[in-house]
């Protein structure tokens, strides 16, 4: 997932736009700092048809990430 992809998601776009406006005005004190909770990453090798790949297990995030070469290889759009 790239920055441009995040900008297509409404909630991320609004947050990023608010932050950029605050930075431009140099009012960084008004920017709310969010606490990021670290969670363990679980990975394993899985086979999808003839393709063996390393996968990260779902941690409850709302966005799934896949590289473009893998998406092409799997025939995803």
C-alpha atoms as a PDB file:
ATOM      1  CA  UNK A   1       0.000   0.000   0.000  1.00  0.00           C
ATOM      2  CA  UNK A   2       1.324   3.376  -0.972  1.00  0.00           C
ATOM      3  CA  UNK A   3       0.579   6.912   0.214  1.00  0.00           C
ATOM      4  CA  UNK A   4      -1.735   7.469  -2.745  1.00  0.00           C
ATOM      5  CA  UNK A   5      -3.750   4.401  -1.757  1.00  0.00           C
ATOM      6  CA  UNK A   6      -4.151   5.703   1.808  1.00  0.00           C
ATOM      7  CA  UNK A   7      -5.384   9.026   0.461  1.00  0.00           C
ATOM      8  CA  UNK A   8      -8.303   7.187  -1.156  1.00  0.00           C
ATOM      9  CA  UNK A   9      -9.503   6.006   2.289  1.00  0.00           C
ATOM     10  CA  UNK A  10     -11.664   8.799   3.735  1.00  0.00           C
ATOM     11  CA  UNK A  11     -10.656   8.500   7.388  1.00  0.00           C
ATOM     12  CA  UNK A  12      -6.938   8.456   6.565  1.00  0.00           C
ATOM     13  CA  UNK A  13      -7.277  11.292   4.052  1.00  0.00           C
ATOM     14  CA  UNK A  14      -8.970  13.559   6.613  1.00  0.00           C
ATOM     15  CA  UNK A  15      -6.363  12.818   9.289  1.00  0.00           C
ATOM     16  CA  UNK A  16      -3.463  13.426   6.923  1.00  0.00           C
ATOM     17  CA  UNK A  17      -4.983  16.640   5.573  1.00  0.00           C
ATOM     18  CA  UNK A  18      -5.495  17.991   9.111  1.00  0.00           C
ATOM     19  CA  UNK A  19      -1.929  17.159  10.019  1.00  0.00           C
ATOM     20  CA  UNK A  20      -0.524  18.781   6.878  1.00  0.00           C
ATOM     21  CA  UNK A  21      -2.523  21.967   7.497  1.00  0.00           C
ATOM     22  CA  UNK A  22      -1.184  22.120  11.068  1.00  0.00           C
ATOM     23  CA  UNK A  23       2.380  21.567   9.867  1.00  0.00           C
ATOM     24  CA  UNK A  24       2.035  24.278   7.234  1.00  0.00           C
ATOM     25  CA  UNK A  25       0.846  26.708   9.881  1.00  0.00           C
ATOM     26  CA  UNK A  26       3.572  25.507  12.206  1.00  0.00           C
ATOM     27  CA  UNK A  27       0.996  24.861  14.872  1.00  0.00           C
ATOM     28  CA  UNK A  28       2.133  21.371  15.670  1.00  0.00           C
ATOM     29  CA  UNK A  29       0.844  21.741  19.224  1.00  0.00           C
ATOM     30  CA  UNK A  30      -2.700  21.455  17.874  1.00  0.00           C
ATOM     31  CA  UNK A  31      -1.965  18.107  16.222  1.00  0.00           C
ATOM     32  CA  UNK A  32      -3.225  15.223  18.303  1.00  0.00           C
ATOM     33  CA  UNK A  33      -0.662  12.516  18.885  1.00  0.00           C
ATOM     34  CA  UNK A  34      -2.134   9.061  18.619  1.00  0.00           C
ATOM     35  CA  UNK A  35      -0.782   6.193  20.641  1.00  0.00           C
ATOM     36  CA  UNK A  36       0.162   3.223  18.477  1.00  0.00           C
ATOM     37  CA  UNK A  37      -0.221  -0.082  20.227  1.00  0.00           C
ATOM     38  CA  UNK A  38       2.432  -2.536  19.124  1.00  0.00           C
ATOM     39  CA  UNK A  39       1.105  -5.962  18.276  1.00  0.00           C
ATOM     40  CA  UNK A  40       3.072  -9.065  17.379  1.00  0.00           C
ATOM     41  CA  UNK A  41       3.266  -9.992  13.704  1.00  0.00           C
ATOM     42  CA  UNK A  42       2.520 -13.622  12.926  1.00  0.00           C
ATOM     43  CA  UNK A  43       3.912 -14.943   9.647  1.00  0.00           C
ATOM     44  CA  UNK A  44       3.914 -18.324   7.991  1.00  0.00           C
ATOM     45  CA  UNK A  45       4.344 -19.809   4.546  1.00  0.00           C
ATOM     46  CA  UNK A  46       1.145 -20.664   2.705  1.00  0.00           C
ATOM     47  CA  UNK A  47       0.393 -22.153  -0.684  1.00  0.00           C
ATOM     48  CA  UNK A  48      -2.153 -20.554  -3.013  1.00  0.00           C
ATOM     49  CA  UNK A  49      -2.591 -22.975  -5.897  1.00  0.00           C
ATOM     50  CA  UNK A  50       0.962 -23.322  -7.271  1.00  0.00           C
ATOM     51  CA  UNK A  51       2.312 -20.247  -5.477  1.00  0.00           C
ATOM     52  CA  UNK A  52       4.106 -20.524  -2.146  1.00  0.00           C
ATOM     53  CA  UNK A  53       4.230 -17.179  -0.325  1.00  0.00           C
ATOM     54  CA  UNK A  54       4.968 -15.781   3.106  1.00  0.00           C
ATOM     55  CA  UNK A  55       1.762 -14.444   4.666  1.00  0.00           C
ATOM     56  CA  UNK A  56       1.061 -12.310   7.718  1.00  0.00           C
ATOM     57  CA  UNK A  57      -1.947 -13.430   9.733  1.00  0.00           C
ATOM     58  CA  UNK A  58      -4.857 -11.046  10.258  1.00  0.00           C
ATOM     59  CA  UNK A  59      -4.451  -8.957  13.385  1.00  0.00           C
ATOM     60  CA  UNK A  60      -7.828  -7.256  13.130  1.00  0.00           C
ATOM     61  CA  UNK A  61      -6.614  -4.359  10.996  1.00  0.00           C
ATOM     62  CA  UNK A  62      -9.092  -2.834   8.587  1.00  0.00           C
ATOM     63  CA  UNK A  63      -6.744  -2.872   5.589  1.00  0.00           C
ATOM     64  CA  UNK A  64      -5.056  -5.805   3.876  1.00  0.00           C
ATOM     65  CA  UNK A  65      -1.757  -5.283   2.079  1.00  0.00           C
ATOM     66  CA  UNK A  66      -0.483  -7.178  -0.944  1.00  0.00           C
ATOM     67  CA  UNK A  67       2.421  -6.278  -3.212  1.00  0.00           C
ATOM     68  CA  UNK A  68       1.594  -5.484  -6.836  1.00  0.00           C
ATOM     69  CA  UNK A  69       3.763  -8.319  -8.253  1.00  0.00           C
ATOM     70  CA  UNK A  70       1.991 -10.825  -5.991  1.00  0.00           C
ATOM     71  CA  UNK A  71      -1.443  -9.469  -6.957  1.00  0.00           C
ATOM     72  CA  UNK A  72      -0.544  -9.839 -10.646  1.00  0.00           C
ATOM     73  CA  UNK A  73       0.791 -13.347 -10.077  1.00  0.00           C
ATOM     74  CA  UNK A  74      -2.427 -14.353  -8.285  1.00  0.00           C
ATOM     75  CA  UNK A  75      -4.629 -12.697 -10.914  1.00  0.00           C
ATOM     76  CA  UNK A  76      -6.100 -10.116  -8.509  1.00  0.00           C
ATOM     77  CA  UNK A  77      -7.350  -6.690  -9.606  1.00  0.00           C
END
